[in-house]
């Protein structure tokens, strides 16, 4: 299986993918709550309750650049980013899709 190295293009964070955050993500990074306009202003306890009881989620990137993406295309909450962001891999289908939508060439495997 080929290996890829992220080139920090930031395409994955520019609104082409749906980023769904669960209770563990909110507990680890409470600023995620205010990043979703539908949940902004709620407390961590309230949001965790809604997620667990009502199958709600905090959504990021809904057609917009992630508010945590810096101008340098670096994640401003990298150590506490949502699990679905942790799971994204350079060169995977989501990466290549985001690059294509941004007008970038496909990420090439490293040798």
Protein backbone atom coordinates (compact mmCIF):
# COMPACT_ATOMS: atom_id res chain seq x y z
CA UNK A 1 0.00 0.00 0.00
CA UNK A 2 1.50 3.36 -0.97
CA UNK A 3 2.43 5.89 1.70
CA UNK A 4 1.66 9.58 1.46
CA UNK A 5 2.97 12.59 3.31
CA UNK A 6 0.68 15.52 4.05
CA UNK A 7 1.78 18.67 2.23
CA UNK A 8 -0.32 20.95 4.51
CA UNK A 9 -2.58 22.17 1.71
CA UNK A 10 -5.51 22.43 4.14
CA UNK A 11 -8.02 21.20 1.55
CA UNK A 12 -9.54 18.75 4.04
CA UNK A 13 -10.46 21.67 6.31
CA UNK A 14 -11.94 24.01 3.72
CA UNK A 15 -15.55 22.86 3.91
CA UNK A 16 -15.75 19.96 1.51
CA UNK A 17 -16.08 17.27 4.18
CA UNK A 18 -18.58 16.92 7.00
CA UNK A 19 -16.82 16.81 10.34
CA UNK A 20 -19.03 15.23 13.01
CA UNK A 21 -17.95 15.58 16.63
CA UNK A 22 -19.17 13.38 19.45
CA UNK A 23 -19.18 13.75 23.23
CA UNK A 24 -15.54 12.72 23.64
CA UNK A 25 -14.50 15.40 21.16
CA UNK A 26 -16.54 18.05 23.00
CA UNK A 27 -15.14 17.02 26.37
CA UNK A 28 -11.60 17.23 24.98
CA UNK A 29 -12.15 20.50 23.04
CA UNK A 30 -15.13 22.58 24.30
CA UNK A 31 -14.56 25.26 21.64
CA UNK A 32 -16.09 22.84 19.14
CA UNK A 33 -19.53 23.70 20.55
CA UNK A 34 -19.33 27.36 19.54
CA UNK A 35 -17.95 26.38 16.13
CA UNK A 36 -21.38 24.92 15.29
CA UNK A 37 -23.84 27.80 15.03
CA UNK A 38 -26.71 25.49 16.00
CA UNK A 39 -25.10 24.75 19.37
CA UNK A 40 -23.14 27.92 20.11
CA UNK A 41 -23.48 29.06 23.69
CA UNK A 42 -24.37 25.68 25.14
CA UNK A 43 -22.41 24.30 28.05
CA UNK A 44 -20.28 21.19 27.73
CA UNK A 45 -22.66 19.31 30.05
CA UNK A 46 -25.70 20.35 28.00
CA UNK A 47 -24.03 19.39 24.73
CA UNK A 48 -22.86 16.00 26.04
CA UNK A 49 -26.40 15.30 27.26
CA UNK A 50 -27.88 16.20 23.87
CA UNK A 51 -25.34 14.07 22.04
CA UNK A 52 -25.90 11.01 24.21
CA UNK A 53 -29.68 11.29 24.65
CA UNK A 54 -30.81 12.82 21.37
CA UNK A 55 -28.14 11.48 19.00
CA UNK A 56 -27.08 15.04 18.22
CA UNK A 57 -23.63 15.96 16.97
CA UNK A 58 -21.51 19.05 16.66
CA UNK A 59 -20.85 19.66 12.98
CA UNK A 60 -17.90 21.56 11.54
CA UNK A 61 -17.04 22.56 7.98
CA UNK A 62 -20.64 22.56 6.72
CA UNK A 63 -19.69 24.18 3.45
CA UNK A 64 -17.31 26.62 5.13
CA UNK A 65 -13.66 26.72 6.01
CA UNK A 66 -13.06 25.31 9.50
CA UNK A 67 -12.73 28.20 11.92
CA UNK A 68 -9.76 26.46 13.52
CA UNK A 69 -7.76 26.41 10.26
CA UNK A 70 -5.12 29.12 10.32
CA UNK A 71 -4.05 31.23 7.36
CA UNK A 72 -0.96 29.01 7.19
CA UNK A 73 -3.26 25.96 6.67
CA UNK A 74 -2.33 24.62 10.10
CA UNK A 75 -4.91 23.37 12.60
CA UNK A 76 -5.27 25.70 15.57
CA UNK A 77 -6.52 22.85 17.79
CA UNK A 78 -4.32 20.06 16.42
CA UNK A 79 -3.62 18.37 19.79
CA UNK A 80 -7.36 18.34 20.66
CA UNK A 81 -8.88 18.03 17.17
CA UNK A 82 -11.92 15.76 16.70
CA UNK A 83 -11.39 12.03 16.31
CA UNK A 84 -12.66 12.09 12.74
CA UNK A 85 -9.89 14.58 11.92
CA UNK A 86 -7.34 12.36 13.62
CA UNK A 87 -8.52 9.50 11.41
CA UNK A 88 -7.99 11.35 8.13
CA UNK A 89 -4.94 10.10 6.32
CA UNK A 90 -2.84 11.87 3.71
CA UNK A 91 -3.66 10.47 0.28
CA UNK A 92 -6.87 8.73 1.32
CA UNK A 93 -10.16 9.14 -0.56
CA UNK A 94 -11.24 12.16 1.51
CA UNK A 95 -7.87 13.84 1.04
CA UNK A 96 -7.82 13.31 -2.71
CA UNK A 97 -11.47 14.43 -3.04
CA UNK A 98 -10.80 17.64 -1.09
CA UNK A 99 -7.71 18.38 -3.17
CA UNK A 100 -9.65 17.83 -6.40
CA UNK A 101 -12.45 20.19 -5.31
CA UNK A 102 -9.84 22.81 -4.38
CA UNK A 103 -8.28 22.49 -7.84
CA UNK A 104 -5.09 20.87 -6.54
CA UNK A 105 -3.30 17.97 -8.16
CA UNK A 106 -3.60 14.58 -6.44
CA UNK A 107 -1.21 13.92 -3.59
CA UNK A 108 1.49 11.59 -4.86
CA UNK A 109 2.89 8.65 -2.92
CA UNK A 110 6.32 9.02 -1.40
CA UNK A 111 9.03 6.66 -2.61
